[in-house]
């Protein structure tokens, strides 16, 4: 088990791996902490959404109600970011270490935002490509 704590509920994070890439997942709320480039690598790997064992419980706009949370790695304040495409996902990113926090269910949605039915596919359709 990791010594890191969840930035949302302060529960312990556990280390889980998928094809050699390690992330930290909250044992209570099932949110996931991704180190620097891990989220980009995992979104490209088929089946990696199995790391996301939780269901999204909130409306995407509800995530903004918690104005501050600190990075589980370096304890710096994280910035809220918005990924908008098929699903609007508010997530947190540490500007110091570049880690990303996604709440339960959001990694699956994040991956779907980059699937062939995501933004790029819709832009190509609109342009007739």
Protein backbone atom coordinates (compact mmCIF):
# COMPACT_ATOMS: atom_id res chain seq x y z
CA UNK A 1 0.00 0.00 0.00
CA UNK A 2 1.16 3.51 -0.79
CA UNK A 3 1.83 6.15 1.87
CA UNK A 4 -0.05 8.72 -0.24
CA UNK A 5 -3.46 10.06 0.81
CA UNK A 6 -6.45 10.82 -1.40
CA UNK A 7 -6.72 14.53 -2.23
CA UNK A 8 -10.52 14.31 -2.04
CA UNK A 9 -11.32 12.14 1.00
CA UNK A 10 -7.89 11.68 2.70
CA UNK A 11 -8.15 7.88 2.60
CA UNK A 12 -5.06 5.81 1.80
CA UNK A 13 -4.13 5.27 -1.83
CA UNK A 14 -3.18 1.79 -3.02
CA UNK A 15 -0.71 1.06 -5.79
CA UNK A 16 -2.18 -0.72 -8.82
CA UNK A 17 -0.56 -1.51 -12.17
CA UNK A 18 -1.64 -2.13 -15.71
CA UNK A 19 0.90 -3.39 -18.26
CA UNK A 20 3.80 -2.10 -16.19
CA UNK A 21 2.36 1.38 -15.56
CA UNK A 22 1.69 2.10 -11.91
CA UNK A 23 -1.01 4.45 -10.58
CA UNK A 24 -2.42 5.13 -7.13
CA UNK A 25 -6.12 4.48 -6.48
CA UNK A 26 -8.14 5.56 -3.46
CA UNK A 27 -9.37 2.64 -1.41
CA UNK A 28 -12.49 4.57 -0.36
CA UNK A 29 -13.69 6.76 -3.24
CA UNK A 30 -11.87 4.91 -6.11
CA UNK A 31 -10.37 8.09 -7.59
CA UNK A 32 -7.05 7.63 -9.42
CA UNK A 33 -3.74 9.52 -9.17
CA UNK A 34 -1.62 9.46 -12.32
CA UNK A 35 2.04 10.50 -12.25
CA UNK A 36 3.27 12.90 -14.91
CA UNK A 37 2.80 11.06 -18.27
CA UNK A 38 1.06 7.89 -17.10
CA UNK A 39 -2.42 9.09 -18.05
CA UNK A 40 -1.31 9.72 -21.64
CA UNK A 41 0.29 6.27 -21.91
CA UNK A 42 -2.70 4.52 -20.35
CA UNK A 43 -5.32 6.24 -22.51
CA UNK A 44 -3.65 4.64 -25.54
CA UNK A 45 -3.61 1.11 -24.09
CA UNK A 46 -6.67 -0.99 -24.78
CA UNK A 47 -8.28 -2.33 -21.63
CA UNK A 48 -6.59 0.10 -19.23
CA UNK A 49 -9.99 1.46 -18.23
CA UNK A 50 -10.22 -1.60 -15.96
CA UNK A 51 -8.10 0.43 -13.50
CA UNK A 52 -11.19 2.61 -13.02
CA UNK A 53 -13.29 0.50 -10.66
CA UNK A 54 -15.65 3.26 -9.52
CA UNK A 55 -18.72 4.82 -10.98
CA UNK A 56 -18.90 8.56 -11.47
CA UNK A 57 -21.19 9.72 -8.66
CA UNK A 58 -21.43 13.41 -9.32
CA UNK A 59 -22.55 15.83 -11.94
CA UNK A 60 -19.40 17.20 -13.68
CA UNK A 61 -20.16 20.70 -12.41
CA UNK A 62 -20.32 19.41 -8.81
CA UNK A 63 -16.58 18.74 -8.84
CA UNK A 64 -15.95 22.49 -8.82
CA UNK A 65 -17.62 22.77 -5.40
CA UNK A 66 -14.37 21.69 -3.75
CA UNK A 67 -12.22 24.73 -4.59
CA UNK A 68 -8.95 23.34 -3.26
CA UNK A 69 -7.24 20.03 -2.96
CA UNK A 70 -3.57 19.31 -2.58
CA UNK A 71 -1.37 17.04 -4.64
CA UNK A 72 -0.93 13.67 -2.94
CA UNK A 73 2.68 13.57 -4.12
CA UNK A 74 4.14 17.04 -3.46
CA UNK A 75 1.30 18.62 -1.39
CA UNK A 76 1.07 21.66 -3.68
CA UNK A 77 -2.34 23.11 -4.52
CA UNK A 78 -3.76 21.50 -7.65
CA UNK A 79 -5.48 23.44 -10.41
CA UNK A 80 -8.91 22.42 -11.65
CA UNK A 81 -8.93 21.65 -15.36
CA UNK A 82 -11.74 20.89 -17.79
CA UNK A 83 -11.62 18.20 -20.45
CA UNK A 84 -14.59 18.71 -22.71
CA UNK A 85 -15.66 16.48 -25.54
CA UNK A 86 -18.09 13.60 -25.36
CA UNK A 87 -18.00 13.93 -21.57
CA UNK A 88 -17.21 17.11 -19.66
CA UNK A 89 -14.72 16.11 -16.99
CA UNK A 90 -13.42 18.42 -14.28
CA UNK A 91 -10.14 17.05 -12.99
CA UNK A 92 -7.23 18.28 -10.91
CA UNK A 93 -3.66 18.74 -12.09
CA UNK A 94 -0.56 19.59 -10.08
CA UNK A 95 1.39 22.31 -11.83
CA UNK A 96 4.55 21.38 -9.94
CA UNK A 97 4.84 17.63 -10.59
CA UNK A 98 2.31 17.45 -13.47
CA UNK A 99 0.33 14.65 -11.81
CA UNK A 100 -3.40 14.27 -12.56
CA UNK A 101 -6.29 13.26 -10.28
CA UNK A 102 -9.46 11.79 -11.77
CA UNK A 103 -12.48 10.94 -9.64
CA UNK A 104 -14.09 7.51 -9.84
CA UNK A 105 -15.46 6.75 -13.30
CA UNK A 106 -13.69 9.66 -14.96
CA UNK A 107 -10.74 7.74 -16.41
CA UNK A 108 -13.17 5.61 -18.43
CA UNK A 109 -14.89 8.78 -19.66
CA UNK A 110 -11.50 10.42 -20.34
CA UNK A 111 -10.49 7.48 -22.54
CA UNK A 112 -13.80 7.67 -24.41
CA UNK A 113 -13.18 11.37 -25.09
CA UNK A 114 -10.15 10.29 -27.11
CA UNK A 115 -11.77 7.37 -28.89
CA UNK A 116 -12.58 7.50 -32.59
CA UNK A 117 -15.96 8.96 -31.65
CA UNK A 118 -14.32 11.82 -29.79
CA UNK A 119 -13.56 15.36 -30.84
CA UNK A 120 -11.10 14.56 -33.63
CA UNK A 121 -13.58 12.18 -35.27
CA UNK A 122 -16.34 14.81 -35.09
CA UNK A 123 -14.04 17.50 -36.55
CA UNK A 124 -13.15 15.19 -39.44
CA UNK A 125 -16.82 14.50 -40.09
CA UNK A 126 -17.61 18.22 -40.04
CA UNK A 127 -14.81 18.90 -42.51
CA UNK A 128 -15.85 16.01 -44.74
CA UNK A 129 -12.54 14.18 -44.27
